[in-house]
C-alpha cells in the first residue's frame, strides 16, 4: 500500500516561473568573512622578465613591420649571421696562421742547428783523419818491428827492436784513445742531429695538418659568401 503522506503535494511550493535563480555567493575567508574580488592587474612590459619582454617585442615587430619590412629584416638578419660566421672563421684562421708562423720559426731553428752540426762534424773529421792515418802507420811500424824482433838471433838487437816496438805500441794506444774521443764527439753530434730530424718531421706533419684546416676554412667562407 502506498503511503498517503507521500502522495500529498506541498501547497507552499512555488511554480517554476516564480523560482529565483541562485545568486553566486562572494568568496569567503576561513573565518566566514567575504573577500572582495580585485580586477586583474596589467603588468607593464618594462617590468616583464627579459625573455618574455623579447617575446612580446617580437610580436609587436611582426604585427607592425609589414611584408616588405619583414623581408628587409630577414635579409638583414641573414647578412648579420653570415658576417658573424665569417668573422668567427677568420678568427680561427688567424689563430692557425699564428701557429704556422711559430712552426716556421722552430723549423728554421732546426735547420740552422743542422748546418751548425754539419760544420762541426766537418771540422772534427779534419782532425780525425790525420789521427787515423797516424794510427795506421804506427800499427804497420809495430808489426814491422815485431817481425824484425822475431827474425834476428842477436840478443842485443832483439832487445833494441823490442824496446822500439813497445814505444811504438804506446804511441799507437795513445793515438787510438785520441781517436775514440773524437769519434765519441761525432757520435754525440749524430745523435743530436737524428733527434732534431725527428722533431723537425713532427713539425712538418703539424704544419700540413694546419694548412689543411686553413683550406677547409677558406672553403666555408667562400660557401657563405656565395
N, C-alpha and C. Protein backbone atom coordinates (compact mmCIF):
# COMPACT_ATOMS: atom_id res chain seq x y z
N UNK A 1 0.85 -1.20 0.00
CA UNK A 1 0.00 0.00 0.00
C UNK A 1 0.87 1.23 0.00
N UNK A 2 0.52 2.26 -0.82
CA UNK A 2 1.31 3.49 -0.95
C UNK A 2 0.98 4.41 0.18
N UNK A 3 1.97 4.95 0.76
CA UNK A 3 1.80 5.88 1.88
C UNK A 3 1.10 7.12 1.39
N UNK A 4 0.00 7.49 2.00
CA UNK A 4 -0.77 8.66 1.60
C UNK A 4 0.01 9.94 1.84
N UNK A 5 0.83 9.91 2.89
CA UNK A 5 1.62 11.11 3.20
C UNK A 5 2.56 11.44 2.05
N UNK A 6 3.06 10.37 1.39
CA UNK A 6 3.98 10.54 0.25
C UNK A 6 3.29 11.18 -0.94
N UNK A 7 1.95 10.92 -1.09
CA UNK A 7 1.21 11.43 -2.24
C UNK A 7 0.75 12.85 -2.05
N UNK A 8 0.83 13.37 -0.84
CA UNK A 8 0.39 14.74 -0.60
C UNK A 8 1.31 15.72 -1.28
N UNK A 9 0.73 16.78 -1.91
CA UNK A 9 1.51 17.81 -2.61
C UNK A 9 1.72 18.96 -1.68
N UNK A 10 2.98 19.46 -1.71
CA UNK A 10 3.32 20.62 -0.87
C UNK A 10 2.68 21.85 -1.48
N UNK A 11 1.70 22.40 -0.79
CA UNK A 11 0.96 23.55 -1.30
C UNK A 11 1.79 24.82 -1.29
N UNK A 12 2.84 24.81 -0.48
CA UNK A 12 3.66 26.03 -0.38
C UNK A 12 4.68 26.13 -1.50
N UNK A 13 4.87 25.07 -2.31
CA UNK A 13 5.87 25.10 -3.40
C UNK A 13 5.46 26.09 -4.46
N UNK A 14 6.38 26.85 -4.98
CA UNK A 14 6.13 27.87 -5.99
C UNK A 14 6.23 27.27 -7.37
N UNK A 15 5.47 27.84 -8.30
CA UNK A 15 5.61 27.37 -9.70
C UNK A 15 7.02 27.65 -10.22
N UNK A 16 7.41 26.96 -11.34
CA UNK A 16 8.77 27.05 -11.88
C UNK A 16 9.12 28.45 -12.32
N UNK A 17 8.12 29.20 -12.88
CA UNK A 17 8.43 30.54 -13.38
C UNK A 17 8.62 31.53 -12.28
N UNK A 18 8.28 31.15 -11.05
CA UNK A 18 8.46 32.07 -9.94
C UNK A 18 9.73 31.78 -9.15
N UNK A 19 10.42 30.71 -9.50
CA UNK A 19 11.66 30.34 -8.78
C UNK A 19 12.77 31.28 -9.15
N UNK A 20 13.42 31.91 -8.16
CA UNK A 20 14.51 32.85 -8.39
C UNK A 20 15.82 32.09 -8.62
N UNK A 21 16.61 32.54 -9.58
CA UNK A 21 17.92 31.87 -9.82
C UNK A 21 18.82 32.04 -8.61
N UNK A 22 19.70 31.07 -8.44
CA UNK A 22 20.65 31.11 -7.31
C UNK A 22 21.71 32.15 -7.60
N UNK A 23 21.88 33.07 -6.70
CA UNK A 23 22.89 34.11 -6.87
C UNK A 23 24.24 33.59 -6.37
N UNK A 24 25.31 33.85 -7.11
CA UNK A 24 26.66 33.40 -6.66
C UNK A 24 27.02 34.12 -5.38
N UNK A 25 27.58 33.37 -4.47
CA UNK A 25 27.98 33.92 -3.19
C UNK A 25 29.41 34.43 -3.26
N UNK A 26 29.68 35.56 -2.62
CA UNK A 26 31.06 36.07 -2.63
C UNK A 26 31.99 35.13 -1.91
N UNK A 27 33.26 35.13 -2.37
CA UNK A 27 34.27 34.27 -1.74
C UNK A 27 34.44 34.67 -0.30
N UNK A 28 34.73 33.67 0.54
CA UNK A 28 34.87 33.93 1.95
C UNK A 28 36.21 33.42 2.46
N UNK A 29 36.68 34.07 3.53
CA UNK A 29 37.91 33.62 4.18
C UNK A 29 37.56 32.48 5.12
N UNK A 30 38.56 31.94 5.76
CA UNK A 30 38.34 30.82 6.68
C UNK A 30 37.42 31.19 7.84
N UNK A 31 37.41 32.49 8.21
CA UNK A 31 36.56 32.90 9.34
C UNK A 31 35.16 33.32 8.90
N UNK A 32 34.85 33.10 7.60
CA UNK A 32 33.50 33.36 7.13
C UNK A 32 33.28 34.74 6.57
N UNK A 33 34.29 35.61 6.62
CA UNK A 33 34.14 36.97 6.08
C UNK A 33 34.28 36.96 4.58
N UNK A 34 33.47 37.76 3.92
CA UNK A 34 33.53 37.82 2.46
C UNK A 34 34.79 38.56 2.01
N UNK A 35 35.31 38.11 0.85
CA UNK A 35 36.52 38.71 0.28
C UNK A 35 36.14 39.46 -0.97
N UNK A 36 36.54 40.67 -1.08
CA UNK A 36 36.20 41.49 -2.26
C UNK A 36 37.12 41.11 -3.42
N UNK A 37 36.54 40.71 -4.56
CA UNK A 37 37.34 40.32 -5.74
C UNK A 37 37.95 41.55 -6.38
N UNK A 38 39.29 41.43 -6.74
CA UNK A 38 40.01 42.54 -7.36
C UNK A 38 40.15 42.30 -8.86
N UNK A 39 40.03 43.32 -9.65
CA UNK A 39 40.22 43.14 -11.10
C UNK A 39 41.66 42.78 -11.42
N UNK A 40 41.91 42.02 -12.56
CA UNK A 40 43.26 41.63 -12.98
C UNK A 40 44.10 42.86 -13.27
N UNK A 41 45.35 42.83 -12.80
CA UNK A 41 46.26 43.98 -12.98
C UNK A 41 47.18 43.71 -14.17
N UNK A 42 47.30 44.63 -15.08
CA UNK A 42 48.18 44.51 -16.25
C UNK A 42 49.59 44.93 -15.86
N UNK A 43 50.59 44.01 -16.10
CA UNK A 43 51.99 44.30 -15.76
C UNK A 43 52.64 45.07 -16.91
N UNK A 44 53.28 46.20 -16.64
CA UNK A 44 53.96 46.96 -17.70
C UNK A 44 55.03 46.09 -18.37
N UNK A 45 55.20 46.29 -19.68
CA UNK A 45 56.19 45.50 -20.43
C UNK A 45 57.58 45.65 -19.84
N UNK A 46 57.89 46.87 -19.38
CA UNK A 46 59.23 47.14 -18.84
C UNK A 46 59.52 46.32 -17.59
N UNK A 47 58.43 45.82 -16.91
CA UNK A 47 58.63 45.05 -15.69
C UNK A 47 58.64 43.54 -15.94
N UNK A 48 58.41 43.13 -17.19
CA UNK A 48 58.39 41.70 -17.51
C UNK A 48 59.81 41.13 -17.48
N UNK A 49 59.93 39.79 -17.28
CA UNK A 49 61.25 39.16 -17.39
C UNK A 49 61.81 39.37 -18.80
N UNK A 50 63.11 39.36 -18.92
CA UNK A 50 63.76 39.70 -20.19
C UNK A 50 63.30 38.79 -21.32
N UNK A 51 63.19 37.49 -21.06
CA UNK A 51 62.77 36.54 -22.10
C UNK A 51 61.35 36.86 -22.59
N UNK A 52 60.46 37.13 -21.65
CA UNK A 52 59.08 37.47 -22.01
C UNK A 52 59.02 38.81 -22.74
N UNK A 53 59.85 39.74 -22.31
CA UNK A 53 59.90 41.07 -22.94
C UNK A 53 60.32 40.94 -24.42
N UNK A 54 61.33 40.09 -24.68
CA UNK A 54 61.78 39.89 -26.07
C UNK A 54 60.69 39.22 -26.91
N UNK A 55 59.97 38.29 -26.28
CA UNK A 55 58.88 37.61 -26.98
C UNK A 55 57.79 38.61 -27.38
N UNK A 56 57.39 39.49 -26.44
CA UNK A 56 56.36 40.49 -26.73
C UNK A 56 56.83 41.50 -27.78
N UNK A 57 58.14 41.82 -27.69
CA UNK A 57 58.71 42.76 -28.66
C UNK A 57 58.65 42.18 -30.07
N UNK A 58 58.96 40.87 -30.20
CA UNK A 58 58.91 40.21 -31.50
C UNK A 58 57.48 40.20 -32.03
N UNK A 59 56.52 39.98 -31.13
CA UNK A 59 55.11 40.01 -31.54
C UNK A 59 54.76 41.38 -32.12
N UNK A 60 55.27 42.43 -31.47
CA UNK A 60 54.99 43.79 -31.95
C UNK A 60 55.63 44.04 -33.31
N UNK A 61 56.87 43.55 -33.47
CA UNK A 61 57.58 43.74 -34.76
C UNK A 61 56.82 43.05 -35.87
N UNK A 62 56.43 41.78 -35.63
CA UNK A 62 55.74 41.01 -36.65
C UNK A 62 54.39 41.65 -37.01
N UNK A 63 53.74 42.25 -36.02
CA UNK A 63 52.43 42.85 -36.25
C UNK A 63 52.53 44.17 -37.02
N UNK A 64 53.63 44.90 -36.86
CA UNK A 64 53.72 46.25 -37.42
C UNK A 64 54.61 46.40 -38.65
N UNK A 65 55.57 45.48 -38.86
CA UNK A 65 56.57 45.73 -39.90
C UNK A 65 56.03 45.57 -41.32
N UNK A 66 55.03 44.74 -41.53
CA UNK A 66 54.51 44.52 -42.88
C UNK A 66 55.39 43.56 -43.67
N UNK A 67 54.92 43.16 -44.85
CA UNK A 67 55.61 42.16 -45.66
C UNK A 67 56.98 42.66 -46.11
N UNK A 68 57.04 43.87 -46.62
CA UNK A 68 58.31 44.43 -47.09
C UNK A 68 59.30 44.59 -45.93
N UNK A 69 58.78 45.05 -44.83
CA UNK A 69 59.62 45.20 -43.65
C UNK A 69 60.16 43.86 -43.18
N UNK A 70 59.29 42.85 -43.24
CA UNK A 70 59.72 41.50 -42.83
C UNK A 70 60.85 40.99 -43.71
N UNK A 71 60.70 41.18 -45.02
CA UNK A 71 61.74 40.73 -45.96
C UNK A 71 63.07 41.44 -45.70
N UNK A 72 62.97 42.76 -45.47
CA UNK A 72 64.19 43.52 -45.19
C UNK A 72 64.86 43.06 -43.90
N UNK A 73 64.02 42.83 -42.88
CA UNK A 73 64.56 42.38 -41.59
C UNK A 73 65.22 41.01 -41.72
N UNK A 74 64.55 40.09 -42.39
CA UNK A 74 65.11 38.74 -42.54
C UNK A 74 66.40 38.77 -43.35
N UNK A 75 66.43 39.65 -44.38
CA UNK A 75 67.67 39.78 -45.17
C UNK A 75 68.80 40.34 -44.31
N UNK A 76 68.48 41.35 -43.50
CA UNK A 76 69.49 41.94 -42.61
C UNK A 76 69.98 40.93 -41.58
N UNK A 77 69.04 40.13 -41.04
CA UNK A 77 69.42 39.12 -40.06
C UNK A 77 70.31 38.06 -40.70
N UNK A 78 69.98 37.68 -41.93
CA UNK A 78 70.78 36.68 -42.65
C UNK A 78 72.19 37.22 -42.91
N UNK A 79 72.28 38.49 -43.34
CA UNK A 79 73.59 39.09 -43.60
C UNK A 79 74.42 39.19 -42.33
N UNK A 80 73.77 39.52 -41.22
CA UNK A 80 74.49 39.62 -39.94
C UNK A 80 74.98 38.25 -39.49
N UNK A 81 74.12 37.24 -39.66
CA UNK A 81 74.50 35.89 -39.28
C UNK A 81 75.70 35.42 -40.10
N UNK A 82 75.66 35.69 -41.42
CA UNK A 82 76.76 35.31 -42.30
C UNK A 82 78.03 36.07 -41.93
N UNK A 83 77.86 37.37 -41.62
CA UNK A 83 79.01 38.18 -41.22
C UNK A 83 79.64 37.65 -39.94
N UNK A 84 78.79 37.25 -38.99
CA UNK A 84 79.29 36.70 -37.73
C UNK A 84 80.02 35.38 -37.95
N UNK A 85 79.48 34.54 -38.85
CA UNK A 85 80.11 33.27 -39.16
C UNK A 85 81.47 33.47 -39.81
N UNK A 86 81.53 34.41 -40.77
CA UNK A 86 82.79 34.70 -41.46
C UNK A 86 83.81 35.27 -40.47
N UNK A 87 83.33 36.14 -39.59
CA UNK A 87 84.21 36.74 -38.59
C UNK A 87 84.81 35.67 -37.67
N UNK A 88 83.97 34.70 -37.27
CA UNK A 88 84.43 33.61 -36.41
C UNK A 88 85.46 32.75 -37.15
N UNK A 89 85.18 32.44 -38.41
CA UNK A 89 86.11 31.64 -39.21
C UNK A 89 87.42 32.38 -39.44
N UNK A 90 87.33 33.69 -39.66
CA UNK A 90 88.55 34.50 -39.83
C UNK A 90 89.41 34.47 -38.57
N UNK A 91 88.73 34.48 -37.41
CA UNK A 91 89.46 34.42 -36.13
C UNK A 91 90.18 33.07 -35.99
N UNK A 92 89.47 32.00 -36.36
CA UNK A 92 90.09 30.66 -36.31
C UNK A 92 91.29 30.59 -37.25
N UNK A 93 91.11 31.17 -38.44
CA UNK A 93 92.19 31.16 -39.43
C UNK A 93 93.39 31.96 -38.92
N UNK A 94 93.13 33.08 -38.25
CA UNK A 94 94.21 33.91 -37.71
C UNK A 94 95.00 33.14 -36.65
N UNK A 95 94.29 32.37 -35.81
CA UNK A 95 94.96 31.57 -34.79
C UNK A 95 95.83 30.49 -35.43
N UNK A 96 95.31 29.87 -36.48
CA UNK A 96 96.07 28.82 -37.18
C UNK A 96 97.30 29.43 -37.84
N UNK A 97 97.14 30.58 -38.47
CA UNK A 97 98.29 31.24 -39.12
C UNK A 97 99.35 31.63 -38.09
N UNK A 98 98.90 31.97 -36.89
CA UNK A 98 99.84 32.29 -35.81
C UNK A 98 100.66 31.05 -35.46
N UNK A 99 99.97 29.90 -35.36
CA UNK A 99 100.67 28.64 -35.07
C UNK A 99 101.62 28.27 -36.21
N UNK A 100 101.19 28.51 -37.44
CA UNK A 100 102.04 28.22 -38.60
C UNK A 100 103.31 29.07 -38.57
N UNK A 101 103.15 30.31 -38.15
CA UNK A 101 104.31 31.20 -38.05
C UNK A 101 105.29 30.69 -36.99
N UNK A 102 104.75 30.22 -35.86
CA UNK A 102 105.60 29.67 -34.80
C UNK A 102 106.32 28.41 -35.28
N UNK A 103 105.60 27.57 -36.01
CA UNK A 103 106.21 26.35 -36.56
C UNK A 103 107.33 26.69 -37.52
N UNK A 104 107.10 27.69 -38.35
CA UNK A 104 108.11 28.12 -39.32
C UNK A 104 109.40 28.57 -38.62
N UNK A 105 109.23 29.29 -37.49
CA UNK A 105 110.40 29.74 -36.72
C UNK A 105 111.15 28.55 -36.11
N UNK A 106 110.39 27.59 -35.57
CA UNK A 106 111.01 26.40 -34.98
C UNK A 106 111.74 25.59 -36.04
N UNK A 107 111.15 25.47 -37.22
CA UNK A 107 111.79 24.75 -38.32
C UNK A 107 113.11 25.41 -38.70
N UNK A 108 113.08 26.74 -38.74
CA UNK A 108 114.29 27.47 -39.08
C UNK A 108 115.39 27.23 -38.05
N UNK A 109 115.00 27.16 -36.77
CA UNK A 109 115.98 26.88 -35.71
C UNK A 109 116.63 25.51 -35.93
N UNK A 110 115.81 24.50 -36.25
CA UNK A 110 116.36 23.17 -36.51
C UNK A 110 117.23 23.15 -37.76
N UNK A 111 116.85 23.90 -38.75
CA UNK A 111 117.66 23.97 -39.98
C UNK A 111 119.04 24.58 -39.70
N UNK A 112 119.05 25.63 -38.87
CA UNK A 112 120.33 26.25 -38.51
C UNK A 112 121.17 25.31 -37.64
N UNK A 113 120.49 24.56 -36.77
CA UNK A 113 121.21 23.58 -35.95
C UNK A 113 121.85 22.51 -36.83
N UNK A 114 121.10 22.08 -37.85
CA UNK A 114 121.65 21.07 -38.77
C UNK A 114 122.91 21.60 -39.46
N UNK A 115 122.86 22.86 -39.91
CA UNK A 115 124.03 23.46 -40.55
C UNK A 115 125.20 23.52 -39.58
N UNK A 116 124.90 23.92 -38.33
CA UNK A 116 125.95 24.03 -37.31
C UNK A 116 126.57 22.67 -37.01
N UNK A 117 125.72 21.64 -36.85
CA UNK A 117 126.23 20.29 -36.57
C UNK A 117 127.04 19.75 -37.73
N UNK A 118 126.56 19.98 -38.94
CA UNK A 118 127.28 19.51 -40.13
C UNK A 118 128.65 20.16 -40.23
N UNK A 119 128.71 21.45 -39.95
CA UNK A 119 130.01 22.16 -39.99
C UNK A 119 130.95 21.63 -38.91
N UNK A 120 130.41 21.40 -37.71
CA UNK A 120 131.23 20.87 -36.62
C UNK A 120 131.78 19.49 -36.97
N UNK A 121 130.92 18.65 -37.52
CA UNK A 121 131.37 17.31 -37.92
C UNK A 121 132.47 17.40 -38.96
N UNK A 122 132.31 18.32 -39.89
CA UNK A 122 133.34 18.51 -40.92
C UNK A 122 134.68 18.91 -40.32
N UNK A 123 134.64 19.83 -39.35
CA UNK A 123 135.87 20.29 -38.69
C UNK A 123 136.51 19.16 -37.88
N UNK A 124 135.66 18.38 -37.17
CA UNK A 124 136.18 17.28 -36.35
C UNK A 124 136.79 16.20 -37.23
N UNK A 125 136.17 15.93 -38.36
CA UNK A 125 136.71 14.91 -39.27
C UNK A 125 138.07 15.31 -39.84
N UNK A 126 138.25 16.61 -40.00
CA UNK A 126 139.56 17.09 -40.47
C UNK A 126 140.64 16.81 -39.43
N UNK A 127 140.24 16.81 -38.15
CA UNK A 127 141.18 16.46 -37.09
C UNK A 127 141.33 14.95 -36.99
N UNK A 128 140.24 14.25 -37.22
CA UNK A 128 140.23 12.80 -37.07
C UNK A 128 141.03 12.09 -38.16
N UNK A 129 140.93 12.55 -39.37
CA UNK A 129 141.59 11.86 -40.50
C UNK A 129 143.10 11.69 -40.29
N UNK A 130 143.85 12.74 -39.90
CA UNK A 130 145.29 12.55 -39.67
C UNK A 130 145.59 11.59 -38.52
N UNK A 131 144.72 11.60 -37.50
CA UNK A 131 144.92 10.69 -36.37
C UNK A 131 144.75 9.24 -36.82
N UNK A 132 143.73 8.99 -37.63
CA UNK A 132 143.52 7.63 -38.15
C UNK A 132 144.70 7.22 -39.02
N UNK A 133 145.18 8.16 -39.82
CA UNK A 133 146.35 7.86 -40.68
C UNK A 133 147.57 7.55 -39.82
N UNK A 134 147.77 8.34 -38.75
CA UNK A 134 148.90 8.12 -37.85
C UNK A 134 148.79 6.77 -37.16
N UNK A 135 147.58 6.42 -36.73
CA UNK A 135 147.35 5.13 -36.08
C UNK A 135 147.68 3.98 -37.03
N UNK A 136 147.27 4.12 -38.27
CA UNK A 136 147.53 3.08 -39.28
C UNK A 136 149.04 2.90 -39.49
N UNK A 137 149.76 4.02 -39.57
CA UNK A 137 151.23 3.94 -39.77
C UNK A 137 151.91 3.33 -38.55
N UNK A 138 151.46 3.68 -37.36
CA UNK A 138 152.04 3.12 -36.14
C UNK A 138 151.79 1.61 -36.06
N UNK A 139 150.61 1.18 -36.47
CA UNK A 139 150.31 -0.26 -36.48
C UNK A 139 151.25 -1.00 -37.44
N UNK A 140 151.48 -0.39 -38.59
CA UNK A 140 152.40 -1.01 -39.57
C UNK A 140 153.82 -1.09 -39.00
N UNK A 141 154.27 0.03 -38.37
CA UNK A 141 155.62 0.04 -37.79
C UNK A 141 155.75 -0.97 -36.67
N UNK A 142 154.69 -1.09 -35.88
CA UNK A 142 154.71 -2.05 -34.77
C UNK A 142 154.82 -3.48 -35.31
N UNK A 143 154.08 -3.78 -36.35
CA UNK A 143 154.13 -5.11 -36.96
C UNK A 143 155.52 -5.37 -37.56
N UNK A 144 156.06 -4.31 -38.19
CA UNK A 144 157.39 -4.45 -38.81
C UNK A 144 158.46 -4.74 -37.76
N UNK A 145 158.44 -3.98 -36.65
CA UNK A 145 159.42 -4.20 -35.58
C UNK A 145 159.25 -5.58 -34.95
N UNK A 146 158.00 -6.02 -34.85
CA UNK A 146 157.72 -7.34 -34.29
C UNK A 146 158.32 -8.44 -35.16
N UNK A 147 158.20 -8.28 -36.47
CA UNK A 147 158.75 -9.26 -37.41
C UNK A 147 160.29 -9.28 -37.32
N UNK A 148 160.87 -8.07 -37.27
CA UNK A 148 162.33 -7.97 -37.18
C UNK A 148 162.83 -8.58 -35.86
N UNK A 149 162.06 -8.33 -34.82
CA UNK A 149 162.43 -8.85 -33.50
C UNK A 149 162.48 -10.37 -33.50
N UNK A 150 161.53 -10.99 -34.15
CA UNK A 150 161.48 -12.45 -34.19
C UNK A 150 162.46 -13.02 -35.22
N UNK A 151 162.88 -12.21 -36.16
CA UNK A 151 163.77 -12.70 -37.22
C UNK A 151 165.24 -12.70 -36.80
N UNK A 152 165.62 -11.77 -35.91
CA UNK A 152 167.03 -11.67 -35.53
C UNK A 152 167.40 -12.68 -34.45
N UNK A 153 168.65 -13.12 -34.50
CA UNK A 153 169.16 -14.04 -33.49
C UNK A 153 170.07 -13.32 -32.51
N UNK A 154 170.38 -12.08 -32.86
CA UNK A 154 171.23 -11.27 -31.98
C UNK A 154 170.39 -10.77 -30.81
N UNK A 155 170.86 -11.08 -29.61
CA UNK A 155 170.10 -10.75 -28.42
C UNK A 155 169.97 -9.24 -28.24
N UNK A 156 171.12 -8.53 -28.35
CA UNK A 156 171.08 -7.09 -28.16
C UNK A 156 170.18 -6.41 -29.19
N UNK A 157 170.26 -6.87 -30.43
CA UNK A 157 169.43 -6.28 -31.49
C UNK A 157 167.94 -6.57 -31.24
N UNK A 158 167.69 -7.80 -30.73
CA UNK A 158 166.30 -8.17 -30.45
C UNK A 158 165.73 -7.31 -29.31
N UNK A 159 166.56 -7.06 -28.28
CA UNK A 159 166.12 -6.23 -27.16
C UNK A 159 165.84 -4.79 -27.63
N UNK A 160 166.72 -4.28 -28.52
CA UNK A 160 166.54 -2.92 -29.04
C UNK A 160 165.25 -2.84 -29.87
N UNK A 161 165.02 -3.85 -30.70
CA UNK A 161 163.81 -3.87 -31.53
C UNK A 161 162.55 -3.99 -30.65
N UNK A 162 162.68 -4.81 -29.58
CA UNK A 162 161.54 -4.96 -28.68
C UNK A 162 161.21 -3.64 -27.99
N UNK A 163 162.25 -2.90 -27.58
CA UNK A 163 162.05 -1.61 -26.95
C UNK A 163 161.39 -0.62 -27.92
N UNK A 164 161.85 -0.61 -29.17
CA UNK A 164 161.25 0.28 -30.19
C UNK A 164 159.78 -0.09 -30.44
N UNK A 165 159.54 -1.41 -30.47
CA UNK A 165 158.16 -1.87 -30.71
C UNK A 165 157.23 -1.44 -29.58
N UNK A 166 157.72 -1.52 -28.34
CA UNK A 166 156.91 -1.13 -27.19
C UNK A 166 156.61 0.37 -27.21
N UNK A 167 157.63 1.18 -27.60
CA UNK A 167 157.41 2.62 -27.69
C UNK A 167 156.38 2.95 -28.77
N UNK A 168 156.49 2.23 -29.89
CA UNK A 168 155.51 2.44 -30.97
C UNK A 168 154.11 2.02 -30.52
N UNK A 169 154.05 0.91 -29.74
CA UNK A 169 152.77 0.41 -29.25
C UNK A 169 152.12 1.43 -28.31
N UNK A 170 152.94 2.06 -27.46
CA UNK A 170 152.42 3.08 -26.55
C UNK A 170 151.88 4.29 -27.32
N UNK A 171 152.63 4.69 -28.36
CA UNK A 171 152.17 5.81 -29.20
C UNK A 171 150.86 5.45 -29.91
N UNK A 172 150.79 4.20 -30.36
CA UNK A 172 149.57 3.76 -31.06
C UNK A 172 148.37 3.77 -30.12
N UNK A 173 148.58 3.30 -28.89
CA UNK A 173 147.48 3.27 -27.91
C UNK A 173 147.01 4.69 -27.58
N UNK A 174 147.98 5.59 -27.41
CA UNK A 174 147.61 6.99 -27.14
C UNK A 174 146.84 7.58 -28.33
N UNK A 175 147.31 7.30 -29.52
CA UNK A 175 146.63 7.79 -30.72
C UNK A 175 145.24 7.19 -30.84
N UNK A 176 145.10 5.94 -30.47
CA UNK A 176 143.81 5.27 -30.54
C UNK A 176 142.81 5.91 -29.56
N UNK A 177 143.29 6.25 -28.34
CA UNK A 177 142.42 6.92 -27.36
C UNK A 177 141.98 8.30 -27.85
N UNK A 178 142.92 9.01 -28.48
CA UNK A 178 142.56 10.32 -29.06
C UNK A 178 141.49 10.15 -30.14
N UNK A 179 141.64 9.11 -30.91
CA UNK A 179 140.68 8.81 -31.97
C UNK A 179 139.29 8.52 -31.37
N UNK A 180 139.26 7.74 -30.29
CA UNK A 180 137.98 7.40 -29.66
C UNK A 180 137.26 8.65 -29.14
N UNK A 181 138.02 9.55 -28.53
CA UNK A 181 137.42 10.79 -28.02
C UNK A 181 136.75 11.60 -29.13
N UNK A 182 137.46 11.70 -30.23
CA UNK A 182 136.92 12.47 -31.36
C UNK A 182 135.72 11.75 -31.98
N UNK A 183 135.81 10.42 -32.09
CA UNK A 183 134.69 9.65 -32.65
C UNK A 183 133.45 9.75 -31.75
N UNK A 184 133.68 9.80 -30.42
CA UNK A 184 132.56 9.97 -29.48
C UNK A 184 131.86 11.30 -29.71
N UNK A 185 132.64 12.35 -29.97
CA UNK A 185 132.05 13.67 -30.25
C UNK A 185 131.20 13.63 -31.52
N UNK A 186 131.70 12.91 -32.51
CA UNK A 186 130.94 12.78 -33.77
C UNK A 186 129.65 12.00 -33.52
N UNK A 187 129.72 10.95 -32.69
CA UNK A 187 128.52 10.16 -32.37
C UNK A 187 127.49 11.02 -31.64
N UNK A 188 127.95 11.85 -30.71
CA UNK A 188 127.05 12.75 -29.99
C UNK A 188 126.35 13.70 -30.95
N UNK A 189 127.11 14.24 -31.88
CA UNK A 189 126.53 15.15 -32.89
C UNK A 189 125.53 14.42 -33.77
N UNK A 190 125.84 13.16 -34.12
CA UNK A 190 124.93 12.36 -34.95
C UNK A 190 123.62 12.09 -34.21
N UNK A 191 123.73 11.78 -32.91
CA UNK A 191 122.53 11.51 -32.10
C UNK A 191 121.67 12.77 -31.99
N UNK A 192 122.33 13.92 -31.75
CA UNK A 192 121.59 15.18 -31.68
C UNK A 192 120.92 15.49 -33.01
N UNK A 193 121.66 15.24 -34.08
CA UNK A 193 121.12 15.51 -35.42
C UNK A 193 119.91 14.63 -35.71
N UNK A 194 119.96 13.36 -35.29
CA UNK A 194 118.86 12.43 -35.52
C UNK A 194 117.63 12.84 -34.70
N UNK A 195 117.88 13.26 -33.46
CA UNK A 195 116.79 13.73 -32.59
C UNK A 195 116.13 14.97 -33.20
N UNK A 196 116.94 15.90 -33.66
CA UNK A 196 116.42 17.13 -34.29
C UNK A 196 115.63 16.80 -35.56
N UNK A 197 116.10 15.81 -36.28
CA UNK A 197 115.43 15.41 -37.52
C UNK A 197 114.01 14.89 -37.24
N UNK A 198 113.87 14.06 -36.20
CA UNK A 198 112.55 13.53 -35.85
C UNK A 198 111.60 14.65 -35.41
N UNK A 199 112.12 15.58 -34.61
CA UNK A 199 111.30 16.71 -34.15
C UNK A 199 110.92 17.61 -35.32
N UNK A 200 111.83 17.76 -36.24
CA UNK A 200 111.57 18.58 -37.44
C UNK A 200 110.45 17.95 -38.27
N UNK A 201 110.48 16.63 -38.40
CA UNK A 201 109.45 15.93 -39.18
C UNK A 201 108.08 16.02 -38.51
N UNK A 202 108.06 16.02 -37.16
CA UNK A 202 106.80 16.21 -36.44
C UNK A 202 106.23 17.60 -36.72
N UNK A 203 107.11 18.59 -36.79
CA UNK A 203 106.67 19.95 -37.11
C UNK A 203 106.07 20.01 -38.52
N UNK A 204 106.69 19.28 -39.43
CA UNK A 204 106.17 19.24 -40.82
C UNK A 204 104.77 18.65 -40.84
N UNK A 205 104.58 17.54 -40.10
CA UNK A 205 103.25 16.90 -40.04
C UNK A 205 102.21 17.87 -39.48
N UNK A 206 102.58 18.56 -38.40
CA UNK A 206 101.66 19.53 -37.79
C UNK A 206 101.37 20.68 -38.76
N UNK A 207 102.40 21.10 -39.47
CA UNK A 207 102.25 22.21 -40.41
C UNK A 207 101.26 21.86 -41.52
N UNK A 208 101.39 20.68 -42.11
CA UNK A 208 100.49 20.29 -43.20
C UNK A 208 99.06 20.07 -42.69
N UNK A 209 98.94 19.59 -41.44
CA UNK A 209 97.61 19.43 -40.85
C UNK A 209 96.92 20.79 -40.69
N UNK A 210 97.66 21.78 -40.24
CA UNK A 210 97.10 23.13 -40.07
C UNK A 210 96.79 23.77 -41.42
N UNK A 211 97.63 23.52 -42.42
CA UNK A 211 97.37 24.06 -43.76
C UNK A 211 96.08 23.48 -44.34
N UNK A 212 95.83 22.20 -44.05
CA UNK A 212 94.57 21.58 -44.49
C UNK A 212 93.37 22.26 -43.83
N UNK A 213 93.53 22.61 -42.54
CA UNK A 213 92.44 23.31 -41.83
C UNK A 213 92.19 24.68 -42.43
N UNK A 214 93.25 25.37 -42.82
CA UNK A 214 93.10 26.68 -43.46
C UNK A 214 92.32 26.54 -44.77
N UNK A 215 92.62 25.50 -45.54
CA UNK A 215 91.90 25.28 -46.80
C UNK A 215 90.41 25.04 -46.54
N UNK A 216 90.10 24.25 -45.50
CA UNK A 216 88.71 23.98 -45.16
C UNK A 216 87.99 25.26 -44.75
N UNK A 217 88.67 26.09 -43.98
CA UNK A 217 88.07 27.37 -43.55
C UNK A 217 87.80 28.26 -44.75
N UNK A 218 88.77 28.32 -45.67
CA UNK A 218 88.60 29.14 -46.89
C UNK A 218 87.38 28.66 -47.70
N UNK A 219 87.20 27.34 -47.76
CA UNK A 219 86.05 26.78 -48.49
C UNK A 219 84.74 27.19 -47.82
N UNK A 220 84.71 27.14 -46.48
CA UNK A 220 83.50 27.52 -45.73
C UNK A 220 83.18 29.00 -45.94
N UNK A 221 84.21 29.84 -45.89
CA UNK A 221 83.99 31.28 -46.09
C UNK A 221 83.48 31.55 -47.49
N UNK A 222 84.06 30.88 -48.48
CA UNK A 222 83.63 31.04 -49.87
C UNK A 222 82.18 30.61 -50.04
N UNK A 223 81.81 29.49 -49.36
CA UNK A 223 80.43 28.97 -49.44
C UNK A 223 79.44 29.94 -48.81
N UNK A 224 79.83 30.57 -47.71
CA UNK A 224 78.95 31.52 -47.03
C UNK A 224 78.72 32.78 -47.89
N UNK A 225 79.77 33.24 -48.54
CA UNK A 225 79.70 34.48 -49.30
C UNK A 225 78.98 34.33 -50.63
N UNK A 226 78.76 33.08 -51.06
CA UNK A 226 78.08 32.88 -52.35
C UNK A 226 76.62 33.33 -52.28
